[in-house]
Amino acid sequence: MTRAADTARLLGAGGSILGSLDVGGGQIGGRRNIAINGAMQVAQRGTTTGQGNASAYSAVDRMNIHGGGTAGRLTSSQDSDSPVFLGNSLKLACTTADTSIAAAEFLLLEQKLEGQDLQQLEFNQSSAKATTVSFYVKGNAAAQYTFALQYHLSGGTARWFTKGFAVTTDWARITITIPGDTQASSGSDYGIADNNATGANLIIWLHGGTNFSSGTHQDTAWADRVYTTLLQDNQTSFYDSTNRTFFFTGFQFEVGSVATQFEHMSFGEQLGLCQRYFQQSYVHGTAAGTANTDVGRVIRFADAQQSYAGHWITFKTEMRAAPTGNVYNTVTGNADSIRDDNGNHNADVSGAATHGMHVYANNSAIGASEGVKAQFTADAEI
């Protein structure tokens, strides 16, 4: 082959070397993965967490474990078991089984995305973009679970796309291509709102009663979903046995009809993205309320006065919304408490904004020029 022919082959029909890179209509350069912390690197709150049937962000950042109505319980943890090129995974392990499933029970793992980060999808337009979700999974035994993409429309309704997938005892990549939804509604105001509220949920359904499965499930089609059709017909219950485990990593959501290689980002980049939603003064991986910890970005009140001690915290990055703030004693770990050279004092948070918040104590027992310290958390999760 001549050099000219070889060059032509590389350039492709488009006359550019980029013409040979077909990513199914998605972007070629820049950040591709819309999901955050897909490699399960960041675990600010602690690496192992017990979970009941309430909604909670636990273990790895940005992954919400949402349950309701079930007696089943689990632990979630950041785990080193992962595909060779990914260092971590999220492990869910059933600790209390629930084999008598009431109709309204459910358990799901989800990431919520801001609407303003989804405008490139051109949802509810004739030009609506196809997207692809991919992730790596395995478990202790074969299982069938359901992926769901839920878009929240500015008109107040929701659109659903669902697809069942299988889990085995070996790591496998699941790839699901989602067509663009060109006709969510006949109304004109039914796109995804361009704001910091929830625009979409990326969901893994792990357990559900007949309220979610009594209808006929339909894969791969957009719908104003009736809840009874959400789960695939042979859905496994994660709570069927205390032996049940579910491992999850390599989570990617991208524009286009092709699943590209997982996009690796540095730990620092991912941590910064996660801190838009949650940040704390504790050392990474240390759970809030941990006692006898005087390390990390501890609040130090430099100008304590006899009747008042206060400190303004400037956040490491702008948060999604004014957060819920909490303050913790550095020695006892108690919430709503600070520590000076002589003891513990009640404390609180005020003036929370996206850029910072005020931590203060009103207690005449604090002596002038006392060394006052505390830890904090700030939560602006969707």
Protein backbone atom coordinates (compact mmCIF):
# COMPACT_ATOMS: atom_id res chain seq x y z
CA MET A 1 0.00 0.00 0.00
CA THR A 2 1.35 3.43 -0.94
CA ARG A 3 1.77 6.16 1.63
CA ALA A 4 -1.02 8.14 -0.09
CA ALA A 5 -3.39 5.15 0.08
CA ASP A 6 -2.50 4.57 3.72
CA THR A 7 -3.20 8.21 4.51
CA ALA A 8 -6.55 8.03 2.71
CA ARG A 9 -7.47 4.94 4.72
CA LEU A 10 -6.74 6.75 8.00
CA LEU A 11 -8.61 9.87 6.96
CA GLY A 12 -11.75 7.96 6.03
CA ALA A 13 -14.63 9.19 3.96
CA GLY A 14 -14.91 12.40 5.93
CA GLY A 15 -11.50 13.63 4.81
CA SER A 16 -10.32 13.80 8.42
CA ILE A 17 -8.61 11.35 10.70
CA LEU A 18 -11.58 11.89 13.03
CA GLY A 19 -13.82 10.48 10.33
CA SER A 20 -12.62 7.00 11.23
CA LEU A 21 -13.79 7.36 14.85
CA ASP A 22 -17.46 6.42 14.88
CA VAL A 23 -18.95 6.97 18.33
CA GLY A 24 -22.55 6.60 17.29
CA GLY A 25 -23.37 10.27 17.14
CA GLY A 26 -21.75 11.03 20.50
CA GLN A 27 -18.98 13.52 21.16
CA ILE A 28 -15.42 12.55 20.30
CA GLY A 29 -13.48 14.79 22.68
CA GLY A 30 -14.05 16.27 26.11
CA ARG A 31 -15.69 14.63 29.07
CA ARG A 32 -18.01 11.86 27.85
CA ASN A 33 -19.37 10.39 31.06
CA ILE A 34 -22.33 12.34 32.42
CA ALA A 35 -22.47 10.10 35.51
CA ILE A 36 -20.21 11.05 38.43
CA ASN A 37 -17.86 8.76 40.38
CA GLY A 38 -18.43 5.90 37.95
CA ALA A 39 -15.28 4.08 39.09
CA MET A 40 -16.51 4.20 42.71
CA GLN A 41 -13.31 6.02 43.73
CA VAL A 42 -14.76 8.59 46.10
CA ALA A 43 -16.25 7.50 49.43
CA GLN A 44 -16.24 10.62 51.60
CA ARG A 45 -18.81 9.39 54.14
CA GLY A 46 -17.00 6.16 54.99
CA THR A 47 -16.26 2.94 53.16
CA THR A 48 -18.87 0.71 54.86
CA THR A 49 -22.43 1.62 55.81
CA GLY A 50 -25.44 -0.29 57.14
CA GLN A 51 -28.71 0.37 55.36
CA GLY A 52 -32.36 -0.01 56.30
CA ASN A 53 -35.34 0.74 54.12
CA ALA A 54 -34.94 4.50 53.85
CA SER A 55 -33.24 6.58 51.19
CA ALA A 56 -29.59 7.32 51.93
CA TYR A 57 -26.35 8.24 50.23
CA SER A 58 -23.87 5.86 51.77
CA ALA A 59 -20.46 4.32 51.09
CA VAL A 60 -19.42 5.60 47.62
CA ASP A 61 -20.47 9.12 46.67
CA ARG A 62 -23.38 9.94 44.33
CA MET A 63 -24.95 6.48 44.63
CA ASN A 64 -28.25 6.66 46.49
CA ILE A 65 -29.67 3.47 48.00
CA HIS A 66 -33.42 3.92 48.09
CA GLY A 67 -35.76 1.42 49.70
CA GLY A 68 -39.20 1.29 51.19
CA GLY A 69 -41.60 -1.02 52.98
CA THR A 70 -39.26 -3.97 53.32
CA ALA A 71 -37.84 -5.84 56.29
CA GLY A 72 -34.71 -6.54 54.24
CA ARG A 73 -31.44 -4.94 55.29
CA LEU A 74 -28.03 -4.60 53.66
CA THR A 75 -24.56 -3.19 54.02
CA SER A 76 -22.96 -1.08 51.30
CA SER A 77 -19.22 -0.77 50.99
CA GLN A 78 -16.42 0.39 48.75
CA ASP A 79 -14.73 -2.84 47.69
CA SER A 80 -11.44 -3.65 45.94
CA ASP A 81 -13.04 -6.46 43.90
CA SER A 82 -13.38 -4.99 40.42
CA PRO A 83 -12.42 -5.54 36.77
CA VAL A 84 -8.66 -5.34 36.33
CA PHE A 85 -8.62 -1.74 35.04
CA LEU A 86 -10.94 -0.38 37.74
CA GLY A 87 -9.70 -0.15 41.30
CA ASN A 88 -12.98 -0.18 43.21
CA SER A 89 -16.59 -1.27 43.14
CA LEU A 90 -19.70 -0.70 45.22
CA LYS A 91 -20.66 -3.89 47.04
CA LEU A 92 -24.16 -4.47 48.41
CA ALA A 93 -24.57 -7.45 50.75
CA CYS A 94 -27.90 -8.65 52.13
CA THR A 95 -27.78 -8.96 55.94
CA THR A 96 -31.50 -9.55 56.61
CA ALA A 97 -33.58 -11.45 54.06
CA ASP A 98 -37.20 -10.65 53.14
CA THR A 99 -38.89 -13.46 51.25
CA SER A 100 -42.45 -12.36 52.00
CA ILE A 101 -42.66 -9.43 49.60
CA ALA A 102 -45.47 -6.93 50.12
CA ALA A 103 -46.89 -5.21 47.05
CA ALA A 104 -45.34 -1.80 47.72
CA GLU A 105 -41.84 -2.94 48.69
CA PHE A 106 -38.86 -1.79 46.64
CA LEU A 107 -35.08 -1.41 46.65
CA LEU A 108 -33.11 0.48 44.06
CA LEU A 109 -29.67 1.94 43.49
CA GLU A 110 -29.69 5.27 41.68
CA GLN A 111 -27.79 8.36 40.63
CA LYS A 112 -29.74 11.59 40.23
CA LEU A 113 -28.58 14.07 37.58
CA GLU A 114 -29.22 17.79 37.46
CA GLY A 115 -31.45 19.02 34.65
CA GLN A 116 -28.95 21.69 33.62
CA ASP A 117 -26.41 18.94 32.88
CA LEU A 118 -28.76 17.20 30.43
CA GLN A 119 -29.72 19.94 27.98
CA GLN A 120 -27.41 18.50 25.29
CA LEU A 121 -29.80 15.52 25.02
CA GLU A 122 -32.41 17.76 23.33
CA PHE A 123 -35.13 15.80 25.06
CA ASN A 124 -38.66 16.00 23.56
CA GLN A 125 -37.32 17.52 20.34
CA SER A 126 -37.23 15.99 16.87
CA SER A 127 -33.43 16.02 17.26
CA ALA A 128 -33.43 14.13 20.59
CA LYS A 129 -30.13 12.30 21.08
CA ALA A 130 -29.64 8.60 21.66
CA THR A 131 -27.70 7.78 24.82
CA THR A 132 -25.89 4.70 26.08
CA VAL A 133 -25.49 3.49 29.64
CA SER A 134 -22.88 0.89 30.54
CA PHE A 135 -21.66 -0.66 33.79
CA TYR A 136 -19.89 -3.73 35.15
CA VAL A 137 -21.70 -6.10 37.50
CA LYS A 138 -21.36 -9.44 39.22
CA GLY A 139 -22.92 -11.25 42.18
CA ASN A 140 -22.70 -14.36 44.33
CA ALA A 141 -25.17 -16.15 42.04
CA ALA A 142 -27.10 -15.65 38.82
CA ALA A 143 -29.72 -12.90 39.00
CA GLN A 144 -32.02 -10.78 36.83
CA TYR A 145 -32.38 -7.07 37.58
CA THR A 146 -33.80 -4.07 35.73
CA PHE A 147 -32.21 -0.83 34.58
CA ALA A 148 -34.45 2.24 34.32
CA LEU A 149 -33.88 5.76 33.05
CA GLN A 150 -36.43 8.22 34.36
CA TYR A 151 -36.62 11.76 32.97
CA HIS A 152 -38.42 14.47 34.96
CA LEU A 153 -40.32 16.84 32.71
CA SER A 154 -40.84 20.52 33.38
CA GLY A 155 -44.57 19.92 33.00
CA GLY A 156 -44.52 17.76 36.12
CA THR A 157 -44.75 14.24 34.67
CA ALA A 158 -42.06 11.63 34.06
CA ARG A 159 -40.92 9.45 31.19
CA TRP A 160 -39.41 5.98 31.64
CA PHE A 161 -37.19 3.66 29.66
CA THR A 162 -36.48 0.20 31.14
CA LYS A 163 -34.36 -2.79 30.19
CA GLY A 164 -33.69 -6.06 32.02
CA PHE A 165 -30.18 -7.43 32.40
CA ALA A 166 -28.53 -10.55 33.79
CA VAL A 167 -25.87 -10.89 36.48
CA THR A 168 -23.51 -13.86 36.86
CA THR A 169 -20.67 -14.70 39.23
CA ASP A 170 -18.12 -13.20 36.82
CA TRP A 171 -17.60 -9.54 36.00
CA ALA A 172 -19.50 -8.59 32.83
CA ARG A 173 -20.16 -5.27 31.12
CA ILE A 174 -23.81 -4.44 30.56
CA THR A 175 -24.46 -2.06 27.67
CA ILE A 176 -27.88 -0.52 27.01
CA THR A 177 -28.56 1.91 24.15
CA ILE A 178 -31.49 4.26 24.70
CA PRO A 179 -33.17 5.97 21.74
CA GLY A 180 -33.81 9.69 21.94
CA ASP A 181 -37.30 10.48 23.19
CA THR A 182 -38.63 12.79 20.50
CA GLN A 183 -42.22 12.99 21.67
CA ALA A 184 -42.58 13.07 25.43
CA SER A 185 -45.76 15.12 25.19
CA SER A 186 -47.79 17.13 22.73
CA GLY A 187 -47.30 20.18 24.96
CA SER A 188 -44.58 22.74 24.37
CA ASP A 189 -43.23 22.86 27.94
CA TYR A 190 -42.24 19.25 28.45
CA GLY A 191 -38.49 19.27 28.15
CA ILE A 192 -36.09 18.75 31.05
CA ALA A 193 -35.97 21.92 33.14
CA ASP A 194 -32.66 23.77 32.85
CA ASN A 195 -31.93 24.05 36.57
CA ASN A 196 -30.24 22.32 39.52
CA ALA A 197 -33.20 20.07 40.37
CA THR A 198 -33.42 16.40 39.38
CA GLY A 199 -33.59 16.06 35.60
CA ALA A 200 -33.06 12.31 35.42
CA ASN A 201 -32.57 9.22 37.57
CA LEU A 202 -30.29 6.38 36.46
CA ILE A 203 -31.74 3.42 38.36
CA ILE A 204 -30.89 -0.21 39.09
CA TRP A 205 -34.01 -1.97 40.44
CA LEU A 206 -32.96 -4.74 42.83
CA HIS A 207 -36.21 -5.69 44.59
CA GLY A 208 -39.89 -4.90 44.15
CA GLY A 209 -43.40 -6.04 44.96
CA THR A 210 -46.34 -6.50 42.63
CA ASN A 211 -47.02 -2.76 42.53
CA PHE A 212 -44.02 -2.66 40.17
CA SER A 213 -44.28 -6.00 38.38
CA SER A 214 -47.89 -7.13 38.00
CA GLY A 215 -48.21 -5.64 34.50
CA THR A 216 -46.54 -6.77 31.29
CA HIS A 217 -42.99 -5.43 31.18
CA GLN A 218 -41.81 -3.95 27.88
CA ASP A 219 -38.09 -3.46 27.24
CA THR A 220 -36.56 -0.72 25.10
CA ALA A 221 -39.51 1.63 24.62
CA TRP A 222 -40.19 5.07 26.08
CA ALA A 223 -43.47 5.47 27.91
CA ASP A 224 -45.37 7.46 30.47
CA ARG A 225 -44.63 4.37 32.50
CA VAL A 226 -47.30 2.64 34.52
CA TYR A 227 -45.52 1.52 37.70
CA THR A 228 -46.83 -2.05 37.43
CA THR A 229 -44.74 -2.59 34.26
CA LEU A 230 -41.37 -1.30 35.51
CA LEU A 231 -39.71 -4.60 36.48
CA GLN A 232 -38.85 -7.41 34.11
CA ASP A 233 -41.04 -10.48 34.45
CA ASN A 234 -38.31 -12.71 35.95
CA GLN A 235 -36.91 -10.06 38.31
CA THR A 236 -34.72 -11.38 41.13
CA SER A 237 -35.20 -10.15 44.69
CA PHE A 238 -31.92 -8.96 46.18
CA TYR A 239 -33.38 -9.77 49.59
CA ASP A 240 -34.06 -13.44 48.80
CA SER A 241 -31.10 -14.65 50.87
CA THR A 242 -28.41 -13.37 53.23
CA ASN A 243 -25.93 -14.87 50.76
CA ARG A 244 -26.96 -12.38 48.10
CA THR A 245 -24.38 -9.82 46.93
CA PHE A 246 -24.29 -7.28 44.11
CA PHE A 247 -21.11 -5.60 42.84
CA PHE A 248 -21.28 -2.51 40.63
CA THR A 249 -18.67 -0.28 38.94
CA GLY A 250 -17.58 1.28 35.63
CA PHE A 251 -20.82 3.29 35.50
CA GLN A 252 -21.02 5.43 32.36
CA PHE A 253 -23.83 7.45 30.75
CA GLU A 254 -22.96 9.11 27.46
CA VAL A 255 -24.43 10.67 24.35
CA GLY A 256 -24.46 8.36 21.33
CA SER A 257 -25.48 4.83 20.41
CA VAL A 258 -22.11 3.21 21.15
CA ALA A 259 -20.62 2.37 24.55
CA THR A 260 -17.10 3.78 24.43
CA GLN A 261 -14.30 2.68 26.72
CA PHE A 262 -14.82 3.69 30.33
CA GLU A 263 -13.60 7.24 30.82
CA HIS A 264 -10.99 7.32 33.57
CA MET A 265 -10.61 10.53 35.56
CA SER A 266 -8.20 11.41 38.34
CA PHE A 267 -9.30 11.00 41.94
CA GLY A 268 -9.01 14.77 42.41
CA GLU A 269 -11.34 15.49 39.50
CA GLN A 270 -13.97 13.06 40.74
CA LEU A 271 -13.70 14.31 44.32
CA GLY A 272 -14.32 17.87 43.15
CA LEU A 273 -17.43 16.79 41.24
CA CYS A 274 -18.73 14.90 44.27
CA GLN A 275 -18.12 17.85 46.60
CA ARG A 276 -20.74 19.83 44.72
CA TYR A 277 -23.22 17.54 46.49
CA PHE A 278 -21.47 16.62 49.76
CA GLN A 279 -18.33 17.69 51.58
CA GLN A 280 -16.90 17.41 55.05
CA SER A 281 -13.91 18.34 57.19
CA TYR A 282 -13.12 14.72 58.08
CA VAL A 283 -10.37 12.84 56.31
CA HIS A 284 -11.71 11.11 53.20
CA GLY A 285 -13.47 7.88 54.10
CA THR A 286 -14.08 8.86 57.76
CA ALA A 287 -17.75 8.71 58.77
CA ALA A 288 -19.29 11.80 60.34
CA GLY A 289 -19.51 11.55 64.11
CA THR A 290 -16.34 9.49 64.41
CA ALA A 291 -15.01 10.14 67.92
CA ASN A 292 -11.46 11.04 68.93
CA THR A 293 -10.53 12.46 65.57
CA ASP A 294 -8.56 15.69 65.42
CA VAL A 295 -7.30 15.36 61.88
CA GLY A 296 -8.55 16.70 58.57
CA ARG A 297 -9.75 20.24 57.91
CA VAL A 298 -10.86 20.84 61.49
CA ILE A 299 -12.63 24.12 62.19
CA ARG A 300 -10.51 26.23 64.53
CA PHE A 301 -12.11 29.26 66.12
CA ALA A 302 -9.33 31.81 66.21
CA ASP A 303 -11.28 34.66 67.82
CA ALA A 304 -13.28 33.05 70.60
CA GLN A 305 -14.85 35.51 73.01
CA GLN A 306 -16.27 34.77 76.43
CA SER A 307 -19.93 34.69 75.36
CA TYR A 308 -19.61 33.70 71.75
CA ALA A 309 -17.48 31.65 69.37
CA GLY A 310 -18.12 31.47 65.64
CA HIS A 311 -16.41 30.63 62.38
CA TRP A 312 -17.33 31.03 58.71
CA ILE A 313 -16.52 27.97 56.59
CA THR A 314 -15.76 28.55 52.92
CA PHE A 315 -16.57 25.40 50.97
CA LYS A 316 -13.99 23.69 48.80
CA THR A 317 -16.25 24.08 45.76
CA GLU A 318 -19.58 25.75 45.04
CA MET A 319 -22.34 23.41 46.12
CA ARG A 320 -25.46 22.51 44.14
CA ALA A 321 -27.73 24.37 46.59
CA ALA A 322 -27.55 25.78 50.10
CA PRO A 323 -26.63 22.64 52.05
CA THR A 324 -27.86 21.11 55.27
CA GLY A 325 -24.96 21.65 57.63
CA ASN A 326 -23.98 19.73 60.74
CA VAL A 327 -21.25 20.30 63.31
CA TYR A 328 -19.58 17.57 65.38
CA ASN A 329 -17.41 17.43 68.48
CA THR A 330 -13.83 16.44 67.66
CA VAL A 331 -13.47 14.30 70.79
CA THR A 332 -16.89 12.79 71.55
CA GLY A 333 -18.17 12.75 67.96
CA ASN A 334 -21.52 14.15 69.16
CA ALA A 335 -23.53 16.26 66.74
CA ASP A 336 -24.42 19.90 67.58
CA SER A 337 -21.36 20.12 69.80
CA ILE A 338 -17.91 21.73 69.76
CA ARG A 339 -14.83 21.29 71.91
CA ASP A 340 -12.68 23.89 73.66
CA ASP A 341 -9.65 23.45 75.92
CA ASN A 342 -11.85 22.68 78.92
CA GLY A 343 -14.85 20.76 77.63
CA ASN A 344 -17.82 20.43 75.29
CA HIS A 345 -20.38 23.08 74.31
CA ASN A 346 -23.57 23.19 72.27
CA ALA A 347 -23.17 24.41 68.70
CA ASP A 348 -25.20 25.00 65.55
CA VAL A 349 -25.01 26.06 61.90
CA SER A 350 -26.56 29.16 60.33
CA GLY A 351 -26.43 31.16 57.12
CA ALA A 352 -25.79 28.15 54.88
CA ALA A 353 -25.24 29.17 51.25
CA THR A 354 -23.75 27.49 48.21
CA HIS A 355 -20.32 28.95 48.99
CA GLY A 356 -20.16 28.48 52.76
CA MET A 357 -21.87 28.43 56.16
CA HIS A 358 -21.45 29.74 59.69
CA VAL A 359 -20.73 27.47 62.67
CA TYR A 360 -21.22 29.00 66.09
CA ALA A 361 -21.58 28.33 69.81
CA ASN A 362 -23.40 30.52 72.33
CA ASN A 363 -22.11 29.48 75.70
CA SER A 364 -20.72 31.72 78.42
CA ALA A 365 -18.56 28.84 79.67
CA ILE A 366 -16.19 29.35 76.75
CA GLY A 367 -13.31 31.38 78.06
CA ALA A 368 -11.66 34.19 76.17
CA SER A 369 -8.96 33.00 73.75
CA GLU A 370 -9.88 29.34 74.26
CA GLY A 371 -8.89 26.95 71.48
CA VAL A 372 -12.25 25.85 70.02
CA LYS A 373 -12.46 23.05 67.43
CA ALA A 374 -15.14 21.13 65.50
CA GLN A 375 -15.77 18.96 62.46
CA PHE A 376 -18.53 19.59 59.91
CA THR A 377 -20.53 18.09 57.06
CA ALA A 378 -22.48 19.91 54.35
CA ASP A 379 -25.08 18.00 52.29
CA ALA A 380 -26.65 19.38 49.10
CA GLU A 381 -27.61 16.07 47.48
CA ILE A 382 -30.58 16.07 45.14
